[in-house]
Amino acid sequence: TPKAVETDVKPVKNKLHFDQETGLLWPVNGEILMEYSADK
């Protein structure tokens, strides 16, 4: 049988979804040395 033609098409990955209500896991456990401050 003829060989299958190789293509560069990659399998489609599941679309990422971030649920803001669920929120984020702490990447490490520790004290906050410096808080986020974009306005001051």
PDB file of all heavy atoms in Angstrom:
ATOM      1  N   THR A   1       0.854  -1.184   0.000  1.00  0.00           N
ATOM      2  CA  THR A   1       0.000   0.000   0.000  1.00  0.00           C
ATOM      3  C   THR A   1       0.887   1.230   0.000  1.00  0.00           C
ATOM      4  O   THR A   1       1.983   1.225   0.566  1.00  0.00           O
ATOM      5  CB  THR A   1      -0.900   0.027   1.254  1.00  0.00           C
ATOM      6  OG1 THR A   1      -0.063  -0.084   2.421  1.00  0.00           O
ATOM      7  CG2 THR A   1      -1.878  -1.123   1.228  1.00  0.00           C
ATOM      8  N   PRO A   2       0.460   2.283  -0.589  1.00  0.00           N
ATOM      9  CA  PRO A   2       1.298   3.495  -0.628  1.00  0.00           C
ATOM     10  C   PRO A   2       1.511   4.048   0.762  1.00  0.00           C
ATOM     11  O   PRO A   2       0.636   3.993   1.624  1.00  0.00           O
ATOM     12  CB  PRO A   2       0.469   4.460  -1.493  1.00  0.00           C
ATOM     13  CG  PRO A   2      -0.936   3.933  -1.416  1.00  0.00           C
ATOM     14  CD  PRO A   2      -0.803   2.437  -1.287  1.00  0.00           C
ATOM     15  N   LYS A   3       2.724   4.514   1.020  1.00  0.00           N
ATOM     16  CA  LYS A   3       3.053   5.065   2.325  1.00  0.00           C
ATOM     17  C   LYS A   3       2.254   6.342   2.578  1.00  0.00           C
ATOM     18  O   LYS A   3       1.976   7.115   1.671  1.00  0.00           O
ATOM     19  CB  LYS A   3       4.552   5.377   2.406  1.00  0.00           C
ATOM     20  CG  LYS A   3       5.427   4.135   2.353  1.00  0.00           C
ATOM     21  CD  LYS A   3       6.888   4.518   2.502  1.00  0.00           C
ATOM     22  CE  LYS A   3       7.767   3.280   2.494  1.00  0.00           C
ATOM     23  NZ  LYS A   3       9.205   3.633   2.618  1.00  0.00           N
ATOM     24  N   ALA A   4       1.911   6.496   3.848  1.00  0.00           N
ATOM     25  CA  ALA A   4       1.160   7.698   4.209  1.00  0.00           C
ATOM     26  C   ALA A   4       2.038   8.926   4.011  1.00  0.00           C
ATOM     27  O   ALA A   4       3.225   8.913   4.321  1.00  0.00           O
ATOM     28  CB  ALA A   4       0.693   7.613   5.661  1.00  0.00           C
ATOM     29  N   VAL A   5       1.454   9.940   3.496  1.00  0.00           N
ATOM     30  CA  VAL A   5       2.197  11.180   3.258  1.00  0.00           C
ATOM     31  C   VAL A   5       2.401  11.896   4.586  1.00  0.00           C
ATOM     32  O   VAL A   5       1.450  12.164   5.328  1.00  0.00           O
ATOM     33  CB  VAL A   5       1.434  12.082   2.271  1.00  0.00           C
ATOM     34  CG1 VAL A   5       2.198  13.381   2.054  1.00  0.00           C
ATOM     35  CG2 VAL A   5       1.205  11.351   0.968  1.00  0.00           C
ATOM     36  N   GLU A   6       3.682  12.143   4.904  1.00  0.00           N
ATOM     37  CA  GLU A   6       3.995  12.823   6.148  1.00  0.00           C
ATOM     38  C   GLU A   6       3.660  14.306   6.018  1.00  0.00           C
ATOM     39  O   GLU A   6       3.958  14.949   5.018  1.00  0.00           O
ATOM     40  CB  GLU A   6       5.473  12.656   6.489  1.00  0.00           C
ATOM     41  CG  GLU A   6       5.856  11.211   6.792  1.00  0.00           C
ATOM     42  CD  GLU A   6       7.306  11.106   7.195  1.00  0.00           C
ATOM     43  OE1 GLU A   6       7.974  12.161   7.233  1.00  0.00           O
ATOM     44  OE2 GLU A   6       7.765   9.994   7.464  1.00  0.00           O
ATOM     45  N   THR A   7       3.054  14.818   7.058  1.00  0.00           N
ATOM     46  CA  THR A   7       2.710  16.245   7.076  1.00  0.00           C
ATOM     47  C   THR A   7       3.261  16.870   8.342  1.00  0.00           C
ATOM     48  O   THR A   7       3.625  16.185   9.302  1.00  0.00           O
ATOM     49  CB  THR A   7       1.184  16.444   7.034  1.00  0.00           C
ATOM     50  OG1 THR A   7       0.614  15.845   8.207  1.00  0.00           O
ATOM     51  CG2 THR A   7       0.589  15.797   5.790  1.00  0.00           C
ATOM     52  N   ASP A   8       3.349  18.168   8.336  1.00  0.00           N
ATOM     53  CA  ASP A   8       3.855  18.902   9.495  1.00  0.00           C
ATOM     54  C   ASP A   8       2.742  19.311  10.443  1.00  0.00           C
ATOM     55  O   ASP A   8       2.960  20.097  11.365  1.00  0.00           O
ATOM     56  CB  ASP A   8       4.605  20.162   9.027  1.00  0.00           C
ATOM     57  CG  ASP A   8       5.856  19.801   8.239  1.00  0.00           C
ATOM     58  OD1 ASP A   8       6.399  18.722   8.508  1.00  0.00           O
ATOM     59  OD2 ASP A   8       6.269  20.590   7.375  1.00  0.00           O
ATOM     60  N   VAL A   9       1.545  18.787  10.227  1.00  0.00           N
ATOM     61  CA  VAL A   9       0.411  19.160  11.077  1.00  0.00           C
ATOM     62  C   VAL A   9       0.575  18.528  12.446  1.00  0.00           C
ATOM     63  O   VAL A   9       0.740  17.317  12.565  1.00  0.00           O
ATOM     64  CB  VAL A   9      -0.924  18.712  10.441  1.00  0.00           C
ATOM     65  CG1 VAL A   9      -2.082  19.066  11.355  1.00  0.00           C
ATOM     66  CG2 VAL A   9      -1.087  19.362   9.069  1.00  0.00           C
ATOM     67  N   LYS A  10       0.549  19.312  13.475  1.00  0.00           N
ATOM     68  CA  LYS A  10       0.698  18.826  14.839  1.00  0.00           C
ATOM     69  C   LYS A  10      -0.675  18.674  15.478  1.00  0.00           C
ATOM     70  O   LYS A  10      -1.617  19.391  15.125  1.00  0.00           O
ATOM     71  CB  LYS A  10       1.545  19.804  15.657  1.00  0.00           C
ATOM     72  CG  LYS A  10       2.984  19.913  15.155  1.00  0.00           C
ATOM     73  CD  LYS A  10       3.776  20.876  16.023  1.00  0.00           C
ATOM     74  CE  LYS A  10       5.209  20.992  15.531  1.00  0.00           C
ATOM     75  NZ  LYS A  10       6.002  21.947  16.357  1.00  0.00           N
ATOM     76  N   PRO A  11      -0.799  17.713  16.417  1.00  0.00           N
ATOM     77  CA  PRO A  11      -2.096  17.536  17.072  1.00  0.00           C
ATOM     78  C   PRO A  11      -2.501  18.796  17.835  1.00  0.00           C
ATOM     79  O   PRO A  11      -1.678  19.468  18.448  1.00  0.00           O
ATOM     80  CB  PRO A  11      -1.846  16.361  18.043  1.00  0.00           C
ATOM     81  CG  PRO A  11      -0.371  16.296  18.202  1.00  0.00           C
ATOM     82  CD  PRO A  11       0.209  16.770  16.909  1.00  0.00           C
ATOM     83  N   VAL A  12      -3.775  19.074  17.783  1.00  0.00           N
ATOM     84  CA  VAL A  12      -4.284  20.278  18.441  1.00  0.00           C
ATOM     85  C   VAL A  12      -4.314  20.050  19.955  1.00  0.00           C
ATOM     86  O   VAL A  12      -4.852  19.059  20.440  1.00  0.00           O
ATOM     87  CB  VAL A  12      -5.705  20.615  17.921  1.00  0.00           C
ATOM     88  CG1 VAL A  12      -6.239  21.847  18.637  1.00  0.00           C
ATOM     89  CG2 VAL A  12      -5.667  20.834  16.417  1.00  0.00           C
ATOM     90  N   LYS A  13      -3.706  20.981  20.689  1.00  0.00           N
ATOM     91  CA  LYS A  13      -3.698  20.886  22.141  1.00  0.00           C
ATOM     92  C   LYS A  13      -4.994  21.478  22.700  1.00  0.00           C
ATOM     93  O   LYS A  13      -5.597  22.370  22.101  1.00  0.00           O
ATOM     94  CB  LYS A  13      -2.503  21.651  22.711  1.00  0.00           C
ATOM     95  CG  LYS A  13      -1.160  21.045  22.336  1.00  0.00           C
ATOM     96  CD  LYS A  13      -0.021  21.847  22.958  1.00  0.00           C
ATOM     97  CE  LYS A  13       1.324  21.253  22.597  1.00  0.00           C
ATOM     98  NZ  LYS A  13       2.462  22.034  23.179  1.00  0.00           N
ATOM     99  N   ASN A  14      -5.380  20.958  23.852  1.00  0.00           N
ATOM    100  CA  ASN A  14      -6.560  21.496  24.519  1.00  0.00           C
ATOM    101  C   ASN A  14      -6.321  22.960  24.885  1.00  0.00           C
ATOM    102  O   ASN A  14      -5.246  23.335  25.369  1.00  0.00           O
ATOM    103  CB  ASN A  14      -6.874  20.695  25.783  1.00  0.00           C
ATOM    104  CG  ASN A  14      -7.282  19.277  25.465  1.00  0.00           C
ATOM    105  OD1 ASN A  14      -7.847  19.013  24.406  1.00  0.00           O
ATOM    106  ND2 ASN A  14      -6.999  18.360  26.376  1.00  0.00           N
ATOM    107  N   LYS A  15      -7.323  23.758  24.645  1.00  0.00           N
ATOM    108  CA  LYS A  15      -7.190  25.181  24.920  1.00  0.00           C
ATOM    109  C   LYS A  15      -7.111  25.413  26.418  1.00  0.00           C
ATOM    110  O   LYS A  15      -7.843  24.822  27.206  1.00  0.00           O
ATOM    111  CB  LYS A  15      -8.388  25.937  24.330  1.00  0.00           C
ATOM    112  CG  LYS A  15      -8.262  27.447  24.424  1.00  0.00           C
ATOM    113  CD  LYS A  15      -9.440  28.130  23.741  1.00  0.00           C
ATOM    114  CE  LYS A  15      -9.309  29.644  23.825  1.00  0.00           C
ATOM    115  NZ  LYS A  15     -10.453  30.331  23.160  1.00  0.00           N
ATOM    116  N   LEU A  16      -6.171  26.277  26.786  1.00  0.00           N
ATOM    117  CA  LEU A  16      -5.989  26.592  28.200  1.00  0.00           C
ATOM    118  C   LEU A  16      -7.114  27.513  28.680  1.00  0.00           C
ATOM    119  O   LEU A  16      -7.596  28.373  27.935  1.00  0.00           O
ATOM    120  CB  LEU A  16      -4.637  27.282  28.417  1.00  0.00           C
ATOM    121  CG  LEU A  16      -3.392  26.422  28.167  1.00  0.00           C
ATOM    122  CD1 LEU A  16      -2.150  27.300  28.138  1.00  0.00           C
ATOM    123  CD2 LEU A  16      -3.267  25.358  29.252  1.00  0.00           C
ATOM    124  N   HIS A  17      -7.494  27.304  29.936  1.00  0.00           N
ATOM    125  CA  HIS A  17      -8.539  28.152  30.536  1.00  0.00           C
ATOM    126  C   HIS A  17      -8.154  28.458  31.981  1.00  0.00           C
ATOM    127  O   HIS A  17      -7.833  27.560  32.760  1.00  0.00           O
ATOM    128  CB  HIS A  17      -9.893  27.448  30.504  1.00  0.00           C
ATOM    129  CG  HIS A  17     -10.950  28.166  31.279  1.00  0.00           C
ATOM    130  ND1 HIS A  17     -11.406  29.438  30.944  1.00  0.00           N
ATOM    131  CD2 HIS A  17     -11.637  27.805  32.404  1.00  0.00           C
ATOM    132  CE1 HIS A  17     -12.318  29.817  31.815  1.00  0.00           C
ATOM    133  NE2 HIS A  17     -12.470  28.849  32.705  1.00  0.00           N
ATOM    134  N   PHE A  18      -8.157  29.746  32.297  1.00  0.00           N
ATOM    135  CA  PHE A  18      -7.856  30.168  33.659  1.00  0.00           C
ATOM    136  C   PHE A  18      -9.136  30.648  34.331  1.00  0.00           C
ATOM    137  O   PHE A  18      -9.780  31.609  33.885  1.00  0.00           O
ATOM    138  CB  PHE A  18      -6.813  31.285  33.670  1.00  0.00           C
ATOM    139  CG  PHE A  18      -6.573  31.874  35.026  1.00  0.00           C
ATOM    140  CD1 PHE A  18      -6.200  31.069  36.099  1.00  0.00           C
ATOM    141  CD2 PHE A  18      -6.747  33.234  35.254  1.00  0.00           C
ATOM    142  CE1 PHE A  18      -5.999  31.611  37.363  1.00  0.00           C
ATOM    143  CE2 PHE A  18      -6.541  33.792  36.514  1.00  0.00           C
ATOM    144  CZ  PHE A  18      -6.169  32.970  37.568  1.00  0.00           C
ATOM    145  N   ASP A  19      -9.498  29.969  35.398  1.00  0.00           N
ATOM    146  CA  ASP A  19     -10.704  30.319  36.160  1.00  0.00           C
ATOM    147  C   ASP A  19     -10.296  31.280  37.285  1.00  0.00           C
ATOM    148  O   ASP A  19      -9.657  30.870  38.267  1.00  0.00           O
ATOM    149  CB  ASP A  19     -11.332  29.049  36.733  1.00  0.00           C
ATOM    150  CG  ASP A  19     -12.681  29.325  37.395  1.00  0.00           C
ATOM    151  OD1 ASP A  19     -13.035  30.518  37.556  1.00  0.00           O
ATOM    152  OD2 ASP A  19     -13.377  28.350  37.742  1.00  0.00           O
ATOM    153  N   GLN A  20     -10.675  32.538  37.151  1.00  0.00           N
ATOM    154  CA  GLN A  20     -10.281  33.543  38.145  1.00  0.00           C
ATOM    155  C   GLN A  20     -10.923  33.278  39.501  1.00  0.00           C
ATOM    156  O   GLN A  20     -10.351  33.614  40.544  1.00  0.00           O
ATOM    157  CB  GLN A  20     -10.649  34.947  37.654  1.00  0.00           C
ATOM    158  CG  GLN A  20      -9.915  35.346  36.381  1.00  0.00           C
ATOM    159  CD  GLN A  20     -10.215  36.776  35.975  1.00  0.00           C
ATOM    160  OE1 GLN A  20     -10.168  37.719  36.805  1.00  0.00           O
ATOM    161  NE2 GLN A  20     -10.542  36.995  34.706  1.00  0.00           N
ATOM    162  N   GLU A  21     -12.112  32.680  39.495  1.00  0.00           N
ATOM    163  CA  GLU A  21     -12.773  32.398  40.773  1.00  0.00           C
ATOM    164  C   GLU A  21     -12.031  31.296  41.531  1.00  0.00           C
ATOM    165  O   GLU A  21     -11.944  31.337  42.760  1.00  0.00           O
ATOM    166  CB  GLU A  21     -14.222  31.994  40.531  1.00  0.00           C
ATOM    167  CG  GLU A  21     -15.093  33.127  40.002  1.00  0.00           C
ATOM    168  CD  GLU A  21     -16.551  32.719  39.880  1.00  0.00           C
ATOM    169  OE1 GLU A  21     -16.869  31.564  40.245  1.00  0.00           O
ATOM    170  OE2 GLU A  21     -17.369  33.544  39.442  1.00  0.00           O
ATOM    171  N   THR A  22     -11.526  30.314  40.795  1.00  0.00           N
ATOM    172  CA  THR A  22     -10.737  29.250  41.442  1.00  0.00           C
ATOM    173  C   THR A  22      -9.415  29.807  41.942  1.00  0.00           C
ATOM    174  O   THR A  22      -8.922  29.423  43.010  1.00  0.00           O
ATOM    175  CB  THR A  22     -10.487  28.095  40.456  1.00  0.00           C
ATOM    176  OG1 THR A  22     -11.752  27.595  40.006  1.00  0.00           O
ATOM    177  CG2 THR A  22      -9.689  26.982  41.096  1.00  0.00           C
ATOM    178  N   GLY A  23      -8.826  30.710  41.170  1.00  0.00           N
ATOM    179  CA  GLY A  23      -7.603  31.367  41.604  1.00  0.00           C
ATOM    180  C   GLY A  23      -6.343  30.560  41.372  1.00  0.00           C
ATOM    181  O   GLY A  23      -6.328  29.563  40.639  1.00  0.00           O
ATOM    182  N   LEU A  24      -5.273  30.976  42.052  1.00  0.00           N
ATOM    183  CA  LEU A  24      -3.928  30.416  41.847  1.00  0.00           C
ATOM    184  C   LEU A  24      -3.413  29.710  43.092  1.00  0.00           C
ATOM    185  O   LEU A  24      -3.731  30.084  44.218  1.00  0.00           O
ATOM    186  CB  LEU A  24      -2.946  31.542  41.483  1.00  0.00           C
ATOM    187  CG  LEU A  24      -3.214  32.327  40.200  1.00  0.00           C
ATOM    188  CD1 LEU A  24      -2.297  33.546  40.138  1.00  0.00           C
ATOM    189  CD2 LEU A  24      -3.014  31.436  38.990  1.00  0.00           C
ATOM    190  N   LEU A  25      -2.615  28.677  42.854  1.00  0.00           N
ATOM    191  CA  LEU A  25      -1.906  27.983  43.934  1.00  0.00           C
ATOM    192  C   LEU A  25      -0.651  28.773  44.288  1.00  0.00           C
ATOM    193  O   LEU A  25       0.010  29.327  43.402  1.00  0.00           O
ATOM    194  CB  LEU A  25      -1.521  26.574  43.447  1.00  0.00           C
ATOM    195  CG  LEU A  25      -0.708  25.701  44.409  1.00  0.00           C
ATOM    196  CD1 LEU A  25      -1.603  25.207  45.542  1.00  0.00           C
ATOM    197  CD2 LEU A  25      -0.098  24.525  43.661  1.00  0.00           C
ATOM    198  N   TRP A  26      -0.334  28.844  45.575  1.00  0.00           N
ATOM    199  CA  TRP A  26       0.903  29.515  45.972  1.00  0.00           C
ATOM    200  C   TRP A  26       2.093  28.726  45.423  1.00  0.00           C
ATOM    201  O   TRP A  26       2.211  27.520  45.668  1.00  0.00           O
ATOM    202  CB  TRP A  26       1.008  29.618  47.486  1.00  0.00           C
ATOM    203  CG  TRP A  26       0.174  30.728  48.074  1.00  0.00           C
ATOM    204  CD1 TRP A  26      -1.175  30.719  48.269  1.00  0.00           C
ATOM    205  CD2 TRP A  26       0.645  31.995  48.512  1.00  0.00           C
ATOM    206  NE1 TRP A  26      -1.597  31.903  48.806  1.00  0.00           N
ATOM    207  CE2 TRP A  26      -0.490  32.726  48.979  1.00  0.00           C
ATOM    208  CE3 TRP A  26       1.888  32.621  48.580  1.00  0.00           C
ATOM    209  CZ2 TRP A  26      -0.405  34.021  49.492  1.00  0.00           C
ATOM    210  CZ3 TRP A  26       1.977  33.910  49.091  1.00  0.00           C
ATOM    211  CH2 TRP A  26       0.837  34.597  49.536  1.00  0.00           C
ATOM    212  N   PRO A  27       3.004  29.388  44.701  1.00  0.00           N
ATOM    213  CA  PRO A  27       4.153  28.657  44.130  1.00  0.00           C
ATOM    214  C   PRO A  27       5.147  28.198  45.198  1.00  0.00           C
ATOM    215  O   PRO A  27       5.793  27.146  45.044  1.00  0.00           O
ATOM    216  CB  PRO A  27       4.780  29.668  43.177  1.00  0.00           C
ATOM    217  CG  PRO A  27       4.342  31.008  43.697  1.00  0.00           C
ATOM    218  CD  PRO A  27       2.989  30.797  44.290  1.00  0.00           C
ATOM    219  N   VAL A  28       5.285  28.971  46.270  1.00  0.00           N
ATOM    220  CA  VAL A  28       6.093  28.589  47.444  1.00  0.00           C
ATOM    221  C   VAL A  28       5.367  29.132  48.680  1.00  0.00           C
ATOM    222  O   VAL A  28       4.578  30.086  48.592  1.00  0.00           O
ATOM    223  CB  VAL A  28       7.540  29.153  47.394  1.00  0.00           C
ATOM    224  CG1 VAL A  28       8.343  28.496  46.286  1.00  0.00           C
ATOM    225  CG2 VAL A  28       7.538  30.678  47.249  1.00  0.00           C
ATOM    226  N   ASN A  29       5.661  28.530  49.781  1.00  0.00           N
ATOM    227  CA  ASN A  29       5.100  29.032  51.040  1.00  0.00           C
ATOM    228  C   ASN A  29       6.149  29.905  51.726  1.00  0.00           C
ATOM    229  O   ASN A  29       7.271  29.435  51.991  1.00  0.00           O
ATOM    230  CB  ASN A  29       4.704  27.879  51.962  1.00  0.00           C
ATOM    231  CG  ASN A  29       3.553  27.061  51.396  1.00  0.00           C
ATOM    232  OD1 ASN A  29       2.611  27.618  50.817  1.00  0.00           O
ATOM    233  ND2 ASN A  29       3.623  25.752  51.559  1.00  0.00           N
ATOM    234  N   GLY A  30       5.798  31.135  51.983  1.00  0.00           N
ATOM    235  CA  GLY A  30       6.763  32.033  52.631  1.00  0.00           C
ATOM    236  C   GLY A  30       6.172  33.404  52.897  1.00  0.00           C
ATOM    237  O   GLY A  30       5.051  33.739  52.480  1.00  0.00           O
ATOM    238  N   GLU A  31       6.955  34.210  53.599  1.00  0.00           N
ATOM    239  CA  GLU A  31       6.546  35.577  53.955  1.00  0.00           C
ATOM    240  C   GLU A  31       6.675  36.485  52.734  1.00  0.00           C
ATOM    241  O   GLU A  31       7.563  36.304  51.885  1.00  0.00           O
ATOM    242  CB  GLU A  31       7.457  36.068  55.077  1.00  0.00           C
ATOM    243  CG  GLU A  31       7.156  37.479  55.557  1.00  0.00           C
ATOM    244  CD  GLU A  31       8.167  37.955  56.575  1.00  0.00           C
ATOM    245  OE1 GLU A  31       9.007  37.149  57.006  1.00  0.00           O
ATOM    246  OE2 GLU A  31       8.124  39.163  56.924  1.00  0.00           O
ATOM    247  N   ILE A  32       5.769  37.446  52.660  1.00  0.00           N
ATOM    248  CA  ILE A  32       5.838  38.425  51.584  1.00  0.00           C
ATOM    249  C   ILE A  32       6.899  39.467  51.969  1.00  0.00           C
ATOM    250  O   ILE A  32       6.724  40.246  52.929  1.00  0.00           O
ATOM    251  CB  ILE A  32       4.477  39.123  51.355  1.00  0.00           C
ATOM    252  CG1 ILE A  32       3.390  38.093  51.043  1.00  0.00           C
ATOM    253  CG2 ILE A  32       4.593  40.157  50.225  1.00  0.00           C
ATOM    254  CD1 ILE A  32       3.635  37.296  49.796  1.00  0.00           C
ATOM    255  N   LEU A  33       8.033  39.483  51.244  1.00  0.00           N
ATOM    256  CA  LEU A  33       9.099  40.447  51.521  1.00  0.00           C
ATOM    257  C   LEU A  33       8.765  41.817  50.944  1.00  0.00           C
ATOM    258  O   LEU A  33       9.104  42.842  51.535  1.00  0.00           O
ATOM    259  CB  LEU A  33      10.426  39.956  50.917  1.00  0.00           C
ATOM    260  CG  LEU A  33      11.018  38.686  51.524  1.00  0.00           C
ATOM    261  CD1 LEU A  33      12.296  38.308  50.772  1.00  0.00           C
ATOM    262  CD2 LEU A  33      11.320  38.878  53.000  1.00  0.00           C
ATOM    263  N   MET A  34       8.095  41.799  49.768  1.00  0.00           N
ATOM    264  CA  MET A  34       7.738  43.065  49.135  1.00  0.00           C
ATOM    265  C   MET A  34       6.441  42.858  48.370  1.00  0.00           C
ATOM    266  O   MET A  34       6.329  41.944  47.552  1.00  0.00           O
ATOM    267  CB  MET A  34       8.851  43.527  48.196  1.00  0.00           C
ATOM    268  CG  MET A  34       8.677  44.936  47.681  1.00  0.00           C
ATOM    269  SD  MET A  34      10.117  45.489  46.694  1.00  0.00           S
ATOM    270  CE  MET A  34      11.387  45.495  47.961  1.00  0.00           C
ATOM    271  N   GLU A  35       5.458  43.707  48.672  1.00  0.00           N
ATOM    272  CA  GLU A  35       4.151  43.574  48.049  1.00  0.00           C
ATOM    273  C   GLU A  35       4.140  44.172  46.645  1.00  0.00           C
ATOM    274  O   GLU A  35       4.993  45.001  46.295  1.00  0.00           O
ATOM    275  CB  GLU A  35       3.077  44.247  48.913  1.00  0.00           C
ATOM    276  CG  GLU A  35       2.869  43.590  50.254  1.00  0.00           C
ATOM    277  CD  GLU A  35       1.766  44.253  51.063  1.00  0.00           C
ATOM    278  OE1 GLU A  35       1.255  45.316  50.621  1.00  0.00           O
ATOM    279  OE2 GLU A  35       1.416  43.739  52.133  1.00  0.00           O
ATOM    280  N   TYR A  36       3.137  43.744  45.909  1.00  0.00           N
ATOM    281  CA  TYR A  36       2.916  44.303  44.570  1.00  0.00           C
ATOM    282  C   TYR A  36       2.521  45.765  44.714  1.00  0.00           C
ATOM    283  O   TYR A  36       1.673  46.131  45.546  1.00  0.00           O
ATOM    284  CB  TYR A  36       1.797  43.512  43.871  1.00  0.00           C
ATOM    285  CG  TYR A  36       1.322  44.099  42.554  1.00  0.00           C
ATOM    286  CD1 TYR A  36       1.988  43.815  41.366  1.00  0.00           C
ATOM    287  CD2 TYR A  36       0.203  44.931  42.525  1.00  0.00           C
ATOM    288  CE1 TYR A  36       1.544  44.348  40.164  1.00  0.00           C
ATOM    289  CE2 TYR A  36      -0.253  45.466  41.334  1.00  0.00           C
ATOM    290  CZ  TYR A  36       0.421  45.173  40.147  1.00  0.00           C
ATOM    291  OH  TYR A  36      -0.014  45.707  38.970  1.00  0.00           O
ATOM    292  N   SER A  37       3.123  46.625  43.901  1.00  0.00           N
ATOM    293  CA  SER A  37       2.810  48.051  43.968  1.00  0.00           C
ATOM    294  C   SER A  37       3.049  48.676  42.598  1.00  0.00           C
ATOM    295  O   SER A  37       4.194  48.972  42.226  1.00  0.00           O
ATOM    296  CB  SER A  37       3.680  48.764  45.026  1.00  0.00           C
ATOM    297  OG  SER A  37       3.407  50.143  45.066  1.00  0.00           O
ATOM    298  N   ALA A  38       1.967  48.829  41.844  1.00  0.00           N
ATOM    299  CA  ALA A  38       2.070  49.423  40.511  1.00  0.00           C
ATOM    300  C   ALA A  38       1.673  50.885  40.497  1.00  0.00           C
ATOM    301  O   ALA A  38       2.040  51.615  39.566  1.00  0.00           O
ATOM    302  CB  ALA A  38       1.188  48.646  39.534  1.00  0.00           C
ATOM    303  N   ASP A  39       0.937  51.329  41.557  1.00  0.00           N
ATOM    304  CA  ASP A  39       0.433  52.697  41.578  1.00  0.00           C
ATOM    305  C   ASP A  39       1.295  53.636  42.429  1.00  0.00           C
ATOM    306  O   ASP A  39       1.239  54.855  42.269  1.00  0.00           O
ATOM    307  CB  ASP A  39      -1.000  52.737  42.105  1.00  0.00           C
ATOM    308  CG  ASP A  39      -1.946  51.927  41.220  1.00  0.00           C
ATOM    309  OD1 ASP A  39      -1.671  51.843  39.992  1.00  0.00           O
ATOM    310  OD2 ASP A  39      -2.933  51.375  41.736  1.00  0.00           O
ATOM    311  N   LYS A  40       2.059  53.086  43.348  1.00  0.00           N
ATOM    312  CA  LYS A  40       2.906  53.910  44.195  1.00  0.00           C
ATOM    313  C   LYS A  40       4.264  53.237  44.399  1.00  0.00           C
ATOM    314  O   LYS A  40       4.393  52.009  44.246  1.00  0.00           O
ATOM    315  CB  LYS A  40       2.237  54.150  45.553  1.00  0.00           C
ATOM    316  CG  LYS A  40       1.947  52.894  46.337  1.00  0.00           C
ATOM    317  CD  LYS A  40       1.253  53.237  47.654  1.00  0.00           C
ATOM    318  CE  LYS A  40       0.982  51.953  48.464  1.00  0.00           C
ATOM    319  NZ  LYS A  40       0.342  52.267  49.760  1.00  0.00           N
TER     320      LYS A  40
END
